[in-house]
Amino acid sequence: MKNAIRNNDVDYLYKAILTLKTKEEAAEFFEAICTPLEINTISQRLSVAKMLRKKEVYLNIVAKTTASTATISRVKRSMDNSEAYDKLFERLGDDE
């Protein structure tokens, strides 16, 4: 991805995430290192991406997620420039 933050600390974070084996482990880890707002922000963006994949219109996404149109546009732009969401949804079994 363009402009991704990459350094040893970030790479170590990604490596740490890959060691998590269960949803409970993931929840415990993210709750330890993130604020509730950070977790909600990340999960909101994932929900927005899922709705964009289903071709939902922005106004419906705003109503269902309370995400701003700027956030929706940012997620859309990310989806247009990367296959990261596609890979994730495919692995989750959410590819449509």
Protein backbone atom coordinates (compact mmCIF):
# COMPACT_ATOMS: atom_id res chain seq x y z
CA MET A 1 0.00 0.00 0.00
CA LYS A 2 1.24 3.46 -0.80
CA ASN A 3 2.41 5.63 2.09
CA ALA A 4 2.18 2.74 4.53
CA ILE A 5 4.08 3.26 7.74
CA ARG A 6 6.84 0.69 7.75
CA ASN A 7 9.58 0.51 10.31
CA ASN A 8 10.88 -2.10 12.74
CA ASP A 9 8.28 -1.28 15.39
CA VAL A 10 5.38 -1.52 12.95
CA ASP A 11 6.74 -4.73 11.45
CA TYR A 12 7.00 -6.15 14.99
CA LEU A 13 3.36 -5.22 15.60
CA TYR A 14 2.28 -7.04 12.43
CA LYS A 15 4.34 -10.07 13.46
CA ALA A 16 2.72 -10.01 16.91
CA ILE A 17 -0.78 -9.88 15.40
CA LEU A 18 0.00 -12.92 13.28
CA THR A 19 0.68 -14.94 16.44
CA LEU A 20 -2.87 -14.51 17.74
CA LYS A 21 -4.81 -17.74 17.42
CA THR A 22 -8.34 -17.03 18.65
CA LYS A 23 -10.87 -14.21 18.62
CA GLU A 24 -10.50 -14.04 22.40
CA GLU A 25 -6.72 -13.64 22.12
CA ALA A 26 -7.22 -10.91 19.52
CA ALA A 27 -9.75 -9.10 21.71
CA GLU A 28 -7.47 -9.26 24.74
CA PHE A 29 -4.49 -8.01 22.72
CA PHE A 30 -6.28 -5.13 21.02
CA GLU A 31 -8.01 -4.10 24.25
CA ALA A 32 -4.58 -3.98 25.88
CA ILE A 33 -2.89 -1.85 23.22
CA CYS A 34 -5.76 0.27 21.84
CA THR A 35 -8.31 2.59 23.31
CA PRO A 36 -11.97 1.66 22.87
CA LEU A 37 -12.25 4.53 20.37
CA GLU A 38 -9.37 3.15 18.29
CA ILE A 39 -10.91 -0.31 18.20
CA ASN A 40 -14.31 1.12 17.27
CA THR A 41 -12.76 3.29 14.54
CA ILE A 42 -10.98 0.34 12.95
CA SER A 43 -14.04 -1.91 13.17
CA GLN A 44 -16.23 0.87 11.72
CA ARG A 45 -13.93 1.13 8.69
CA LEU A 46 -14.17 -2.61 8.18
CA SER A 47 -17.97 -2.39 8.32
CA VAL A 48 -17.90 0.48 5.83
CA ALA A 49 -15.73 -1.57 3.47
CA LYS A 50 -18.10 -4.53 3.71
CA MET A 51 -21.05 -2.28 2.83
CA LEU A 52 -19.16 -0.68 -0.05
CA ARG A 53 -18.48 -4.17 -1.43
CA LYS A 54 -22.24 -4.75 -1.35
CA LYS A 55 -22.65 -1.52 -3.36
CA GLU A 56 -24.52 0.29 -0.59
CA VAL A 57 -24.86 4.03 -1.12
CA TYR A 58 -23.06 6.49 1.13
CA LEU A 59 -26.21 7.76 2.85
CA ASN A 60 -27.17 4.23 3.90
CA ILE A 61 -23.65 3.59 5.17
CA VAL A 62 -23.71 6.84 7.17
CA ALA A 63 -27.06 5.89 8.68
CA LYS A 64 -25.97 2.36 9.62
CA THR A 65 -22.44 3.10 10.85
CA THR A 66 -22.40 6.82 11.75
CA ALA A 67 -19.18 7.05 9.72
CA SER A 68 -18.62 10.40 8.07
CA THR A 69 -18.70 10.67 4.29
CA ALA A 70 -14.99 11.57 4.52
CA THR A 71 -14.29 8.25 6.24
CA ILE A 72 -16.37 6.38 3.69
CA SER A 73 -14.49 8.09 0.87
CA ARG A 74 -11.16 7.25 2.50
CA VAL A 75 -12.14 3.58 2.79
CA LYS A 76 -13.38 3.58 -0.81
CA ARG A 77 -10.12 5.08 -2.03
CA SER A 78 -8.18 2.47 -0.08
CA MET A 79 -10.29 -0.29 -1.62
CA ASP A 80 -9.67 1.12 -5.09
CA ASN A 81 -5.90 1.22 -4.54
CA SER A 82 -5.35 -2.07 -2.73
CA GLU A 83 -6.59 -5.63 -2.69
CA ALA A 84 -6.20 -5.85 1.09
CA TYR A 85 -9.92 -5.70 1.83
CA ASP A 86 -10.70 -8.19 -0.95
CA LYS A 87 -8.21 -10.69 0.47
CA LEU A 88 -9.55 -10.23 3.97
CA PHE A 89 -13.21 -10.65 3.01
CA GLU A 90 -12.36 -13.67 0.87
CA ARG A 91 -10.60 -15.31 3.82
CA LEU A 92 -13.52 -14.43 6.10
CA GLY A 93 -15.90 -16.00 3.62
CA ASP A 94 -17.53 -12.65 2.90
CA ASP A 95 -16.63 -12.35 -0.77
CA GLU A 96 -19.67 -11.71 -2.89
